[in-house]
C-alpha atoms as a PDB file:
ATOM      1  CA  MET A   1      33.962 -14.861  -8.172  1.00  0.00           C
ATOM      2  CA  LYS A   2      30.185 -14.676  -8.596  1.00  0.00           C
ATOM      3  CA  ILE A   3      29.052 -11.413 -10.186  1.00  0.00           C
ATOM      4  CA  ALA A   4      25.535 -10.045 -10.557  1.00  0.00           C
ATOM      5  CA  ALA A   5      25.357  -7.600 -13.474  1.00  0.00           C
ATOM      6  CA  LEU A   6      22.471  -5.127 -13.364  1.00  0.00           C
ATOM      7  CA  VAL A   7      21.531  -4.419 -16.974  1.00  0.00           C
ATOM      8  CA  SER A   8      18.757  -1.969 -17.826  1.00  0.00           C
ATOM      9  CA  GLY A   9      18.901  -2.062 -21.626  1.00  0.00           C
ATOM     10  CA  GLY A  10      20.876   1.173 -21.890  1.00  0.00           C
ATOM     11  CA  VAL A  11      24.254   1.340 -23.578  1.00  0.00           C
ATOM     12  CA  ASP A  12      26.325   1.743 -20.393  1.00  0.00           C
ATOM     13  CA  SER A  13      24.947  -1.264 -18.543  1.00  0.00           C
ATOM     14  CA  SER A  14      24.925  -3.324 -21.761  1.00  0.00           C
ATOM     15  CA  VAL A  15      28.658  -2.819 -22.282  1.00  0.00           C
ATOM     16  CA  ILE A  16      29.551  -4.015 -18.773  1.00  0.00           C
ATOM     17  CA  VAL A  17      28.678  -7.574 -19.864  1.00  0.00           C
ATOM     18  CA  PRO A  18      31.363  -7.944 -22.584  1.00  0.00           C
ATOM     19  CA  LEU A  19      33.827  -6.059 -20.373  1.00  0.00           C
ATOM     20  CA  LEU A  20      33.255  -8.542 -17.534  1.00  0.00           C
ATOM     21  CA  LYS A  21      33.521 -11.477 -19.949  1.00  0.00           C
ATOM     22  CA  GLU A  22      36.865 -10.102 -21.195  1.00  0.00           C
ATOM     23  CA  GLN A  23      38.094 -10.126 -17.598  1.00  0.00           C
ATOM     24  CA  GLY A  24      37.238 -13.811 -17.297  1.00  0.00           C
ATOM     25  CA  PHE A  25      34.012 -13.456 -15.319  1.00  0.00           C
ATOM     26  CA  ASP A  26      30.709 -15.161 -16.061  1.00  0.00           C
ATOM     27  CA  PRO A  27      28.155 -12.600 -14.868  1.00  0.00           C
ATOM     28  CA  HIS A  28      24.580 -13.469 -14.047  1.00  0.00           C
ATOM     29  CA  ILE A  29      22.468 -10.730 -15.650  1.00  0.00           C
ATOM     30  CA  PHE A  30      19.536  -9.206 -13.807  1.00  0.00           C
ATOM     31  CA  TYR A  31      16.932  -6.732 -15.006  1.00  0.00           C
ATOM     32  CA  ILE A  32      15.276  -4.854 -12.135  1.00  0.00           C
ATOM     33  CA  LYS A  33      11.624  -4.054 -12.663  1.00  0.00           C
ATOM     34  CA  ILE A  34      10.657  -0.896 -10.796  1.00  0.00           C
ATOM     35  CA  GLY A  35       7.688   1.442 -10.824  1.00  0.00           C
ATOM     36  CA  VAL A  36       4.611   1.939  -8.718  1.00  0.00           C
ATOM     37  CA  GLU A  37       2.068  -0.855  -8.689  1.00  0.00           C
ATOM     38  CA  GLY A  38      -1.358   0.123  -9.936  1.00  0.00           C
ATOM     39  CA  LYS A  39      -0.091   3.328 -11.531  1.00  0.00           C
ATOM     40  CA  ASP A  40       0.599   2.118 -15.047  1.00  0.00           C
ATOM     41  CA  ASP A  41      -0.779   5.357 -16.512  1.00  0.00           C
ATOM     42  CA  LEU A  42       1.954   7.301 -14.706  1.00  0.00           C
ATOM     43  CA  MET A  43       4.738   4.763 -14.491  1.00  0.00           C
ATOM     44  CA  ASP A  44       4.934   3.914 -18.183  1.00  0.00           C
ATOM     45  CA  CYS A  45       8.438   2.493 -18.149  1.00  0.00           C
ATOM     46  CA  PRO A  46       9.778   1.094 -21.431  1.00  0.00           C
ATOM     47  CA  SER A  47      10.342  -2.300 -19.822  1.00  0.00           C
ATOM     48  CA  GLU A  48       9.388  -4.427 -22.845  1.00  0.00           C
ATOM     49  CA  GLU A  49      12.087  -2.937 -25.068  1.00  0.00           C
ATOM     50  CA  ASP A  50      14.587  -2.940 -22.200  1.00  0.00           C
ATOM     51  CA  ILE A  51      13.941  -6.605 -21.479  1.00  0.00           C
ATOM     52  CA  GLU A  52      14.244  -7.522 -25.168  1.00  0.00           C
ATOM     53  CA  ILE A  53      17.644  -5.844 -25.367  1.00  0.00           C
ATOM     54  CA  THR A  54      18.821  -7.396 -22.109  1.00  0.00           C
ATOM     55  CA  THR A  55      17.622 -10.839 -23.232  1.00  0.00           C
ATOM     56  CA  PHE A  56      19.554 -10.432 -26.489  1.00  0.00           C
ATOM     57  CA  ILE A  57      22.744  -9.553 -24.601  1.00  0.00           C
ATOM     58  CA  ALA A  58      22.335 -12.506 -22.234  1.00  0.00           C
ATOM     59  CA  LYS A  59      21.968 -14.902 -25.181  1.00  0.00           C
ATOM     60  CA  LYS A  60      24.843 -13.312 -27.107  1.00  0.00           C
ATOM     61  CA  TYR A  61      27.252 -13.846 -24.218  1.00  0.00           C
ATOM     62  CA  GLY A  62      25.777 -17.061 -22.822  1.00  0.00           C
ATOM     63  CA  CYS A  63      24.822 -15.514 -19.498  1.00  0.00           C
ATOM     64  CA  ARG A  64      22.063 -16.527 -17.143  1.00  0.00           C
ATOM     65  CA  PHE A  65      19.311 -13.923 -17.026  1.00  0.00           C
ATOM     66  CA  ASP A  66      16.527 -13.178 -14.548  1.00  0.00           C
ATOM     67  CA  ILE A  67      14.005 -10.394 -14.029  1.00  0.00           C
ATOM     68  CA  ILE A  68      13.645  -9.194 -10.442  1.00  0.00           C
ATOM     69  CA  ASP A  69      10.426  -7.406  -9.529  1.00  0.00           C
ATOM     70  CA  LEU A  70      11.117  -4.661  -6.988  1.00  0.00           C
ATOM     71  CA  GLN A  71       8.034  -2.525  -7.623  1.00  0.00           C
ATOM     72  CA  LYS A  72       6.765  -2.834  -4.069  1.00  0.00           C
ATOM     73  CA  GLU A  73      10.157  -1.983  -2.588  1.00  0.00           C
ATOM     74  CA  TYR A  74      10.510   0.900  -5.024  1.00  0.00           C
ATOM     75  CA  TYR A  75       7.224   2.407  -3.928  1.00  0.00           C
ATOM     76  CA  GLU A  76       7.957   1.991  -0.227  1.00  0.00           C
ATOM     77  CA  ARG A  77      11.546   3.226  -0.304  1.00  0.00           C
ATOM     78  CA  VAL A  78      11.841   5.671  -3.214  1.00  0.00           C
ATOM     79  CA  ALA A  79       8.426   6.928  -4.346  1.00  0.00           C
ATOM     80  CA  ARG A  80       7.206   7.463  -0.789  1.00  0.00           C
ATOM     81  CA  TYR A  81      10.427   9.290   0.144  1.00  0.00           C
ATOM     82  CA  THR A  82       9.991  11.507  -2.914  1.00  0.00           C
ATOM     83  CA  MET A  83       6.428  12.479  -2.105  1.00  0.00           C
ATOM     84  CA  ASP A  84       7.119  12.953   1.621  1.00  0.00           C
ATOM     85  CA  SER A  85       9.993  15.291   0.737  1.00  0.00           C
ATOM     86  CA  VAL A  86       7.872  17.257  -1.721  1.00  0.00           C
ATOM     87  CA  ARG A  87       5.107  17.732   0.861  1.00  0.00           C
ATOM     88  CA  LYS A  88       7.663  19.229   3.264  1.00  0.00           C
ATOM     89  CA  GLY A  89       8.852  21.703   0.651  1.00  0.00           C
ATOM     90  CA  LEU A  90      12.131  19.887   0.121  1.00  0.00           C
ATOM     91  CA  THR A  91      13.724  18.982  -3.203  1.00  0.00           C
ATOM     92  CA  PRO A  92      14.206  15.206  -3.281  1.00  0.00           C
ATOM     93  CA  ASN A  93      16.643  13.206  -5.384  1.00  0.00           C
ATOM     94  CA  PRO A  94      15.016   9.873  -6.302  1.00  0.00           C
ATOM     95  CA  ASP A  95      18.063   8.762  -8.332  1.00  0.00           C
ATOM     96  CA  VAL A  96      20.239   8.836  -5.227  1.00  0.00           C
ATOM     97  CA  MET A  97      17.704   6.883  -3.177  1.00  0.00           C
ATOM     98  CA  CYS A  98      17.152   4.363  -5.967  1.00  0.00           C
ATOM     99  CA  ASN A  99      20.841   3.453  -5.946  1.00  0.00           C
ATOM    100  CA  ARG A 100      21.006   3.035  -2.194  1.00  0.00           C
ATOM    101  CA  PHE A 101      17.667   1.387  -1.491  1.00  0.00           C
ATOM    102  CA  ILE A 102      16.951  -0.518  -4.706  1.00  0.00           C
ATOM    103  CA  LYS A 103      19.972  -1.327  -6.893  1.00  0.00           C
ATOM    104  CA  PHE A 104      22.353  -1.945  -4.007  1.00  0.00           C
ATOM    105  CA  GLY A 105      19.692  -2.401  -1.319  1.00  0.00           C
ATOM    106  CA  ALA A 106      16.517  -4.353  -2.038  1.00  0.00           C
ATOM    107  CA  PHE A 107      18.207  -6.242  -4.863  1.00  0.00           C
ATOM    108  CA  ASP A 108      20.944  -7.413  -2.516  1.00  0.00           C
ATOM    109  CA  GLU A 109      18.368  -8.461   0.066  1.00  0.00           C
ATOM    110  CA  LYS A 110      16.434 -10.482  -2.504  1.00  0.00           C
ATOM    111  CA  VAL A 111      19.177 -12.160  -4.561  1.00  0.00           C
ATOM    112  CA  GLY A 112      22.356 -10.069  -4.545  1.00  0.00           C
ATOM    113  CA  HIS A 113      23.539 -11.545  -1.256  1.00  0.00           C
ATOM    114  CA  GLU A 114      24.251 -14.752  -3.158  1.00  0.00           C
ATOM    115  CA  PHE A 115      26.929 -12.945  -5.196  1.00  0.00           C
ATOM    116  CA  ASP A 116      30.377 -11.600  -4.378  1.00  0.00           C
ATOM    117  CA  ARG A 117      29.975  -8.367  -6.362  1.00  0.00           C
ATOM    118  CA  ILE A 118      27.202  -6.290  -7.940  1.00  0.00           C
ATOM    119  CA  ALA A 119      28.206  -4.620 -11.217  1.00  0.00           C
ATOM    120  CA  THR A 120      26.382  -1.624 -12.714  1.00  0.00           C
ATOM    121  CA  GLY A 121      26.877   0.744 -15.636  1.00  0.00           C
ATOM    122  CA  HIS A 122      27.543   3.788 -13.475  1.00  0.00           C
ATOM    123  CA  TYR A 123      30.385   6.151 -14.352  1.00  0.00           C
ATOM    124  CA  ALA A 124      32.401   5.840 -11.144  1.00  0.00           C
ATOM    125  CA  ARG A 125      35.397   3.907  -9.839  1.00  0.00           C
ATOM    126  CA  GLN A 126      35.831   1.612  -6.866  1.00  0.00           C
ATOM    127  CA  TRP A 127      39.002   0.083  -5.483  1.00  0.00           C
ATOM    128  CA  THR A 128      40.349  -1.535  -2.314  1.00  0.00           C
ATOM    129  CA  ASP A 129      43.575  -0.303  -0.760  1.00  0.00           C
ATOM    130  CA  GLY A 130      46.359  -2.353   0.837  1.00  0.00           C
ATOM    131  CA  ASP A 131      44.545  -2.344   4.174  1.00  0.00           C
ATOM    132  CA  GLY A 132      41.406  -3.805   2.637  1.00  0.00           C
ATOM    133  CA  VAL A 133      39.457  -0.520   2.759  1.00  0.00           C
ATOM    134  CA  ALA A 134      37.096   0.196  -0.163  1.00  0.00           C
ATOM    135  CA  TRP A 135      37.090   3.638  -1.807  1.00  0.00           C
ATOM    136  CA  MET A 136      34.974   5.418  -4.398  1.00  0.00           C
ATOM    137  CA  GLY A 137      36.561   7.610  -7.033  1.00  0.00           C
ATOM    138  CA  THR A 138      35.316   9.832  -9.818  1.00  0.00           C
ATOM    139  CA  ALA A 139      35.047   8.411 -13.331  1.00  0.00           C
ATOM    140  CA  ALA A 140      37.677   8.913 -16.002  1.00  0.00           C
ATOM    141  CA  ASP A 141      35.007  10.759 -17.992  1.00  0.00           C
ATOM    142  CA  THR A 142      34.383  13.686 -15.647  1.00  0.00           C
ATOM    143  CA  PHE A 143      31.518  14.967 -17.827  1.00  0.00           C
ATOM    144  CA  LYS A 144      29.604  11.693 -17.320  1.00  0.00           C
ATOM    145  CA  ASP A 145      30.725  11.127 -13.721  1.00  0.00           C
ATOM    146  CA  GLN A 146      27.845   9.799 -11.578  1.00  0.00           C
ATOM    147  CA  THR A 147      29.456   9.639  -8.157  1.00  0.00           C
ATOM    148  CA  ASP A 148      27.006  12.263  -6.880  1.00  0.00           C
ATOM    149  CA  PHE A 149      24.235   9.709  -7.502  1.00  0.00           C
ATOM    150  CA  LEU A 150      26.199   7.041  -5.608  1.00  0.00           C
ATOM    151  CA  ALA A 151      27.509   9.008  -2.633  1.00  0.00           C
ATOM    152  CA  ARG A 152      24.728   7.792  -0.311  1.00  0.00           C
ATOM    153  CA  ILE A 153      25.312   4.061  -0.726  1.00  0.00           C
ATOM    154  CA  THR A 154      26.563   2.423   2.453  1.00  0.00           C
ATOM    155  CA  TYR A 155      30.126   1.302   2.978  1.00  0.00           C
ATOM    156  CA  GLN A 156      29.010  -2.347   2.810  1.00  0.00           C
ATOM    157  CA  GLN A 157      27.359  -1.630  -0.539  1.00  0.00           C
ATOM    158  CA  LEU A 158      30.447   0.188  -1.829  1.00  0.00           C
ATOM    159  CA  ALA A 159      32.717  -2.704  -0.861  1.00  0.00           C
ATOM    160  CA  LYS A 160      30.605  -5.012  -3.025  1.00  0.00           C
ATOM    161  CA  ALA A 161      30.142  -2.676  -6.005  1.00  0.00           C
ATOM    162  CA  MET A 162      31.796  -2.876  -9.429  1.00  0.00           C
ATOM    163  CA  PHE A 163      31.752  -0.115 -12.057  1.00  0.00           C
ATOM    164  CA  PRO A 164      33.277  -1.618 -15.236  1.00  0.00           C
ATOM    165  CA  VAL A 165      32.818   1.503 -17.428  1.00  0.00           C
ATOM    166  CA  GLY A 166      34.307   3.861 -14.842  1.00  0.00           C
ATOM    167  CA  ASP A 167      37.702   3.920 -16.561  1.00  0.00           C
ATOM    168  CA  LEU A 168      36.285   4.634 -20.026  1.00  0.00           C
ATOM    169  CA  PRO A 169      35.071   7.801 -21.751  1.00  0.00           C
ATOM    170  CA  LYS A 170      31.468   7.670 -22.933  1.00  0.00           C
ATOM    171  CA  SER A 171      32.605   7.809 -26.559  1.00  0.00           C
ATOM    172  CA  GLU A 172      34.585   4.597 -26.062  1.00  0.00           C
ATOM    173  CA  VAL A 173      31.588   2.881 -24.451  1.00  0.00           C
ATOM    174  CA  ARG A 174      29.461   3.751 -27.475  1.00  0.00           C
ATOM    175  CA  ARG A 175      32.250   2.623 -29.823  1.00  0.00           C
ATOM    176  CA  ILE A 176      32.457  -0.756 -28.070  1.00  0.00           C
ATOM    177  CA  ALA A 177      28.676  -1.154 -28.232  1.00  0.00           C
ATOM    178  CA  ALA A 178      28.652  -0.354 -31.970  1.00  0.00           C
ATOM    179  CA  GLU A 179      31.611  -2.615 -32.698  1.00  0.00           C
ATOM    180  CA  LEU A 180      29.924  -5.511 -30.891  1.00  0.00           C
ATOM    181  CA  ARG A 181      26.598  -4.677 -32.565  1.00  0.00           C
ATOM    182  CA  LEU A 182      24.722  -4.365 -29.322  1.00  0.00           C
ATOM    183  CA  PRO A 183      21.126  -3.195 -29.890  1.00  0.00           C
ATOM    184  CA  SER A 184      21.590  -0.466 -27.273  1.00  0.00           C
ATOM    185  CA  ALA A 185      24.501   1.166 -29.137  1.00  0.00           C
ATOM    186  CA  GLY A 186      22.427   4.047 -30.491  1.00  0.00           C
ATOM    187  CA  ARG A 187      20.026   4.528 -27.598  1.00  0.00           C
ATOM    188  CA  HIS A 188      19.802   7.936 -25.968  1.00  0.00           C
ATOM    189  CA  ASP A 189      20.966   8.287 -22.382  1.00  0.00           C
ATOM    190  CA  SER A 190      18.219   7.788 -19.830  1.00  0.00           C
ATOM    191  CA  GLN A 191      16.900  10.759 -17.876  1.00  0.00           C
ATOM    192  CA  GLY A 192      17.388   9.096 -14.507  1.00  0.00           C
ATOM    193  CA  ILE A 193      15.136   6.531 -12.921  1.00  0.00           C
ATOM    194  CA  CYS A 194      11.968   5.491 -14.645  1.00  0.00           C
ATOM    195  CA  PHE A 195       9.422   8.036 -13.564  1.00  0.00           C
ATOM    196  CA  LEU A 196      11.732  10.976 -14.208  1.00  0.00           C
ATOM    197  CA  GLY A 197      12.290   9.832 -17.765  1.00  0.00           C
ATOM    198  CA  LYS A 198       9.038   8.984 -19.478  1.00  0.00           C
ATOM    199  CA  ILE A 199       6.359  10.834 -17.555  1.00  0.00           C
ATOM    200  CA  ASN A 200       5.841  14.430 -16.602  1.00  0.00           C
ATOM    201  CA  TYR A 201       7.203  14.870 -13.084  1.00  0.00           C
ATOM    202  CA  ASN A 202       4.504  17.418 -12.194  1.00  0.00           C
ATOM    203  CA  ASP A 203       1.801  14.951 -13.242  1.00  0.00           C
ATOM    204  CA  TYR A 204       3.318  12.432 -10.856  1.00  0.00           C
ATOM    205  CA  ILE A 205       3.373  14.933  -7.993  1.00  0.00           C
ATOM    206  CA  ARG A 206      -0.188  16.043  -8.762  1.00  0.00           C
ATOM    207  CA  GLU A 207      -1.418  12.455  -8.557  1.00  0.00           C
ATOM    208  CA  TYR A 208       0.041  11.877  -5.091  1.00  0.00           C
ATOM    209  CA  VAL A 209       0.106  15.321  -3.462  1.00  0.00           C
ATOM    210  CA  GLY A 210      -2.664  17.206  -5.238  1.00  0.00           C
ATOM    211  CA  GLU A 211      -2.980  20.950  -5.809  1.00  0.00           C
ATOM    212  CA  ARG A 212      -3.439  23.954  -3.516  1.00  0.00           C
ATOM    213  CA  GLU A 213      -3.369  27.475  -4.903  1.00  0.00           C
ATOM    214  CA  GLY A 214      -1.106  30.082  -3.362  1.00  0.00           C
ATOM    215  CA  ASP A 215       0.596  33.376  -4.128  1.00  0.00           C
ATOM    216  CA  ILE A 216       3.730  34.076  -6.124  1.00  0.00           C
ATOM    217  CA  VAL A 217       5.388  37.061  -4.434  1.00  0.00           C
ATOM    218  CA  GLU A 218       8.373  39.239  -5.371  1.00  0.00           C
ATOM    219  CA  LEU A 219      10.866  38.785  -2.539  1.00  0.00           C
ATOM    220  CA  GLU A 220      12.286  42.278  -2.536  1.00  0.00           C
ATOM    221  CA  THR A 221       8.990  44.217  -2.646  1.00  0.00           C
ATOM    222  CA  GLY A 222       6.334  41.840  -1.287  1.00  0.00           C
ATOM    223  CA  ARG A 223       4.313  42.505  -4.446  1.00  0.00           C
ATOM    224  CA  ARG A 224       1.936  39.683  -5.453  1.00  0.00           C
ATOM    225  CA  LEU A 225       2.684  38.726  -9.037  1.00  0.00           C
ATOM    226  CA  GLY A 226       0.501  35.705  -9.658  1.00  0.00           C
ATOM    227  CA  ARG A 227      -0.763  32.356  -8.421  1.00  0.00           C
ATOM    228  CA  HIS A 228       0.650  28.846  -8.299  1.00  0.00           C
ATOM    229  CA  LYS A 229      -0.968  25.450  -7.695  1.00  0.00           C
ATOM    230  CA  GLY A 230       1.203  24.318  -4.802  1.00  0.00           C
ATOM    231  CA  PHE A 231       4.707  25.206  -3.603  1.00  0.00           C
ATOM    232  CA  TRP A 232       5.682  21.559  -4.154  1.00  0.00           C
ATOM    233  CA  PHE A 233       5.595  22.065  -7.920  1.00  0.00           C
ATOM    234  CA  HIS A 234       8.442  24.579  -7.715  1.00  0.00           C
ATOM    235  CA  THR A 235      12.146  24.237  -6.940  1.00  0.00           C
ATOM    236  CA  ILE A 236      14.773  26.752  -5.865  1.00  0.00           C
ATOM    237  CA  GLY A 237      16.425  28.265  -8.933  1.00  0.00           C
ATOM    238  CA  GLN A 238      13.495  27.425 -11.224  1.00  0.00           C
ATOM    239  CA  ARG A 239      12.997  29.849 -14.072  1.00  0.00           C
ATOM    240  CA  LYS A 240      10.496  28.252 -16.463  1.00  0.00           C
ATOM    241  CA  GLY A 241       6.864  27.406 -15.841  1.00  0.00           C
ATOM    242  CA  LEU A 242       6.002  30.308 -13.532  1.00  0.00           C
ATOM    243  CA  GLY A 243       3.598  31.982 -15.952  1.00  0.00           C
ATOM    244  CA  LEU A 244       4.828  35.485 -15.148  1.00  0.00           C
ATOM    245  CA  GLY A 245       5.442  38.317 -17.591  1.00  0.00           C
ATOM    246  CA  GLY A 246       8.276  40.831 -17.526  1.00  0.00           C
ATOM    247  CA  GLY A 247      10.861  38.269 -16.541  1.00  0.00           C
ATOM    248  CA  PRO A 248      12.985  36.381 -16.292  1.00  0.00           C
ATOM    249  CA  TRP A 249      11.878  35.389 -12.774  1.00  0.00           C
ATOM    250  CA  PHE A 250      13.635  32.893 -10.538  1.00  0.00           C
ATOM    251  CA  VAL A 251      12.256  30.970  -7.554  1.00  0.00           C
ATOM    252  CA  VAL A 252      14.449  31.999  -4.599  1.00  0.00           C
ATOM    253  CA  ARG A 253      12.462  30.935  -1.530  1.00  0.00           C
ATOM    254  CA  LYS A 254       9.384  28.935  -0.474  1.00  0.00           C
ATOM    255  CA  ASP A 255       7.132  29.505   2.546  1.00  0.00           C
ATOM    256  CA  THR A 256       5.754  26.023   3.115  1.00  0.00           C
ATOM    257  CA  VAL A 257       3.493  27.063   6.002  1.00  0.00           C
ATOM    258  CA  ASN A 258       1.652  29.781   4.061  1.00  0.00           C
ATOM    259  CA  ASN A 259       2.097  28.177   0.625  1.00  0.00           C
ATOM    260  CA  ILE A 260       3.944  31.157  -0.858  1.00  0.00           C
ATOM    261  CA  VAL A 261       6.533  30.993  -3.635  1.00  0.00           C
ATOM    262  CA  TYR A 262       8.980  33.913  -3.611  1.00  0.00           C
ATOM    263  CA  VAL A 263      10.691  35.029  -6.811  1.00  0.00           C
ATOM    264  CA  SER A 264      13.309  37.558  -7.868  1.00  0.00           C
ATOM    265  CA  GLN A 265      13.653  39.263 -11.235  1.00  0.00           C
ATOM    266  CA  GLY A 266      16.621  39.404 -13.572  1.00  0.00           C
ATOM    267  CA  TYR A 267      18.939  37.106 -15.427  1.00  0.00           C
ATOM    268  CA  ASP A 268      21.192  36.705 -12.402  1.00  0.00           C
ATOM    269  CA  PRO A 269      19.492  38.032  -9.252  1.00  0.00           C
ATOM    270  CA  GLU A 270      21.730  38.293  -6.212  1.00  0.00           C
ATOM    271  CA  THR A 271      19.061  36.639  -4.061  1.00  0.00           C
ATOM    272  CA  GLN A 272      19.771  33.359  -5.868  1.00  0.00           C
ATOM    273  CA  TYR A 273      23.286  33.211  -4.435  1.00  0.00           C
ATOM    274  CA  VAL A 274      24.787  32.019  -1.159  1.00  0.00           C
ATOM    275  CA  ASN A 275      28.328  31.109  -0.111  1.00  0.00           C
ATOM    276  CA  THR A 276      27.579  28.676   2.740  1.00  0.00           C
ATOM    277  CA  ILE A 277      25.827  25.306   2.483  1.00  0.00           C
ATOM    278  CA  GLY A 278      24.776  23.472   5.633  1.00  0.00           C
ATOM    279  CA  LEU A 279      24.779  19.673   5.536  1.00  0.00           C
ATOM    280  CA  THR A 280      23.107  17.293   7.970  1.00  0.00           C
ATOM    281  CA  ASP A 281      23.046  13.485   8.110  1.00  0.00           C
ATOM    282  CA  VAL A 282      26.658  13.480   6.902  1.00  0.00           C
ATOM    283  CA  GLN A 283      27.924  10.123   5.677  1.00  0.00           C
ATOM    284  CA  ALA A 284      31.571   9.295   4.958  1.00  0.00           C
ATOM    285  CA  MET A 285      32.255   6.833   2.133  1.00  0.00           C
ATOM    286  CA  ASN A 286      34.393   4.591   4.334  1.00  0.00           C
ATOM    287  CA  PRO A 287      35.268   4.256   8.037  1.00  0.00           C
ATOM    288  CA  VAL A 288      38.738   5.839   7.764  1.00  0.00           C
ATOM    289  CA  ILE A 289      37.559   9.161   6.318  1.00  0.00           C
ATOM    290  CA  ARG A 290      37.372  12.076   8.747  1.00  0.00           C
ATOM    291  CA  PHE A 291      36.126  15.604   8.099  1.00  0.00           C
ATOM    292  CA  ASN A 292      38.130  18.420   9.666  1.00  0.00           C
ATOM    293  CA  ASP A 293      37.632  22.126  10.308  1.00  0.00           C
ATOM    294  CA  GLY A 294      39.273  24.197   7.601  1.00  0.00           C
ATOM    295  CA  GLU A 295      39.789  21.219   5.287  1.00  0.00           C
ATOM    296  CA  ARG A 296      39.998  22.162   1.623  1.00  0.00           C
ATOM    297  CA  ILE A 297      37.560  20.240  -0.565  1.00  0.00           C
ATOM    298  CA  ARG A 298      35.767  20.115  -3.881  1.00  0.00           C
ATOM    299  CA  TYR A 299      32.007  19.641  -3.920  1.00  0.00           C
ATOM    300  CA  LYS A 300      28.824  19.325  -5.979  1.00  0.00           C
ATOM    301  CA  ILE A 301      25.278  20.254  -4.995  1.00  0.00           C
ATOM    302  CA  ARG A 302      23.645  18.961  -8.168  1.00  0.00           C
ATOM    303  CA  HIS A 303      24.443  16.642 -11.051  1.00  0.00           C
ATOM    304  CA  GLN A 304      26.877  18.604 -13.226  1.00  0.00           C
ATOM    305  CA  PRO A 305      30.370  18.047 -14.627  1.00  0.00           C
ATOM    306  CA  GLU A 306      31.995  20.967 -12.767  1.00  0.00           C
ATOM    307  CA  PHE A 307      33.365  20.803  -9.242  1.00  0.00           C
ATOM    308  CA  ARG A 308      33.287  23.811  -6.913  1.00  0.00           C
ATOM    309  CA  THR A 309      35.917  24.426  -4.253  1.00  0.00           C
ATOM    310  CA  GLY A 310      35.700  25.512  -0.647  1.00  0.00           C
ATOM    311  CA  THR A 311      36.524  24.700   2.966  1.00  0.00           C
ATOM    312  CA  LEU A 312      34.681  22.706   5.618  1.00  0.00           C
ATOM    313  CA  THR A 313      33.449  23.734   9.039  1.00  0.00           C
ATOM    314  CA  VAL A 314      32.420  20.986  11.444  1.00  0.00           C
ATOM    315  CA  THR A 315      29.137  21.877  13.189  1.00  0.00           C
ATOM    316  CA  ALA A 316      26.908  20.338  15.843  1.00  0.00           C
ATOM    317  CA  ASP A 317      24.480  19.252  13.100  1.00  0.00           C
ATOM    318  CA  GLY A 318      27.053  18.077  10.580  1.00  0.00           C
ATOM    319  CA  LEU A 319      29.128  20.209   8.226  1.00  0.00           C
ATOM    320  CA  THR A 320      29.086  23.586   6.531  1.00  0.00           C
ATOM    321  CA  ILE A 321      30.665  24.055   3.121  1.00  0.00           C
ATOM    322  CA  ASN A 322      32.164  27.540   2.827  1.00  0.00           C
ATOM    323  CA  SER A 323      32.257  28.008  -0.915  1.00  0.00           C
ATOM    324  CA  ASP A 324      35.051  29.971  -2.577  1.00  0.00           C
ATOM    325  CA  VAL A 325      32.456  31.540  -4.891  1.00  0.00           C
ATOM    326  CA  MET A 326      28.812  32.495  -4.462  1.00  0.00           C
ATOM    327  CA  ILE A 327      26.572  29.764  -5.870  1.00  0.00           C
ATOM    328  CA  SER A 328      22.919  29.547  -6.895  1.00  0.00           C
ATOM    329  CA  GLY A 329      20.285  26.837  -6.776  1.00  0.00           C
ATOM    330  CA  VAL A 330      21.018  25.550  -3.271  1.00  0.00           C
ATOM    331  CA  ALA A 331      17.893  23.513  -2.483  1.00  0.00           C
ATOM    332  CA  SER A 332      16.998  21.983   0.871  1.00  0.00           C
ATOM    333  CA  GLY A 333      16.601  18.217   0.678  1.00  0.00           C
ATOM    334  CA  GLN A 334      19.112  17.782  -2.126  1.00  0.00           C
ATOM    335  CA  PHE A 335      22.506  16.224  -1.448  1.00  0.00           C
ATOM    336  CA  GLY A 336      25.903  17.867  -1.243  1.00  0.00           C
ATOM    337  CA  THR A 337      28.719  15.544  -2.335  1.00  0.00           C
ATOM    338  CA  ILE A 338      32.203  16.167  -0.937  1.00  0.00           C
ATOM    339  CA  TYR A 339      35.383  15.301  -2.843  1.00  0.00           C
ATOM    340  CA  HIS A 340      39.072  15.389  -1.982  1.00  0.00           C
ATOM    341  CA  ALA A 341      40.622  18.752  -2.839  1.00  0.00           C
ATOM    342  CA  THR A 342      43.129  17.376  -5.348  1.00  0.00           C
ATOM    343  CA  GLU A 343      42.578  13.623  -5.760  1.00  0.00           C
ATOM    344  CA  PRO A 344      39.672  11.961  -7.654  1.00  0.00           C
ATOM    345  CA  VAL A 345      38.238  10.569  -4.411  1.00  0.00           C
ATOM    346  CA  VAL A 346      34.699  10.797  -3.033  1.00  0.00           C
ATOM    347  CA  LEU A 347      34.803  11.591   0.688  1.00  0.00           C
ATOM    348  CA  GLY A 348      31.111  11.562   1.512  1.00  0.00           C
ATOM    349  CA  SER A 349      27.841  13.458   1.368  1.00  0.00           C
ATOM    350  CA  GLY A 350      25.169  15.172   3.412  1.00  0.00           C
ATOM    351  CA  VAL A 351      21.611  16.450   3.091  1.00  0.00           C
ATOM    352  CA  ILE A 352      21.383  20.171   2.335  1.00  0.00           C
ATOM    353  CA  GLN A 353      19.559  22.032   5.119  1.00  0.00           C
END
């Protein structure tokens, strides 16, 4: 079996190489170069150190190694999506799009199609049942589980994916890396894809979208409290960076037509909370999964270790999650990931309305 191993220089992707070798595979290692061409001042990715580490691992285990430049594809498919979403007042998730359109997308188009499987260092599990249907499951380490970042990959991409660290706790991954003296053993976890890690996200938005001053208004009273430099710099549930006294203040709504950011005061304002979440563009993880009215599920609306519970309603536009508890921080444009009520199985995802 021919396996392409995507190694970024971090500890998780580094450890997949010895794990694959232990299983008798001879992976071909690839480092994906991403970023935005011509924006080196903003996209200052630590590629030199990453490549040095990945080169070391390839030599240590006698693996072939190539660097694949996907900067153009990254800009067209991830950066542009991010900025388009921000302009509309939505809250994008570049990590999710990077997995679908770059790691399992553009890479496969360029070279991955020559391989039987594509292995990454994600904390998730994949298996094929007796009928030949591929499934995605949550990682053994539920705190590090990354299935919410993977829930938008296509079924064809899932069928080809491998997640060698999915059965291991993070502590064991670090122990293996230290025992094997991998140079990535002590590296900190990345903060997501490149531009969310090393640069200031607001600087990136400012470069591509610009600034436009507008009012910050108290939702309950209509009282103008201050000014902002563009609704696109603010997300639902945001508390810091508003520049308001007498807080805490939370962003609870955005008027994208009039460029107004609405806030509510208090440590836990009721206006932050809802108990229904509408999802559009719903995607099941495999062709046999069906969503049913009244079905009990678990779900996530952001990257966090905890699962929430609720029931589904099938709608003309997609699905509605009826949460068992009121929840905060529901942001349009983000993704809601749906899990089986009792089993560690990912059922699918949708875009939050």
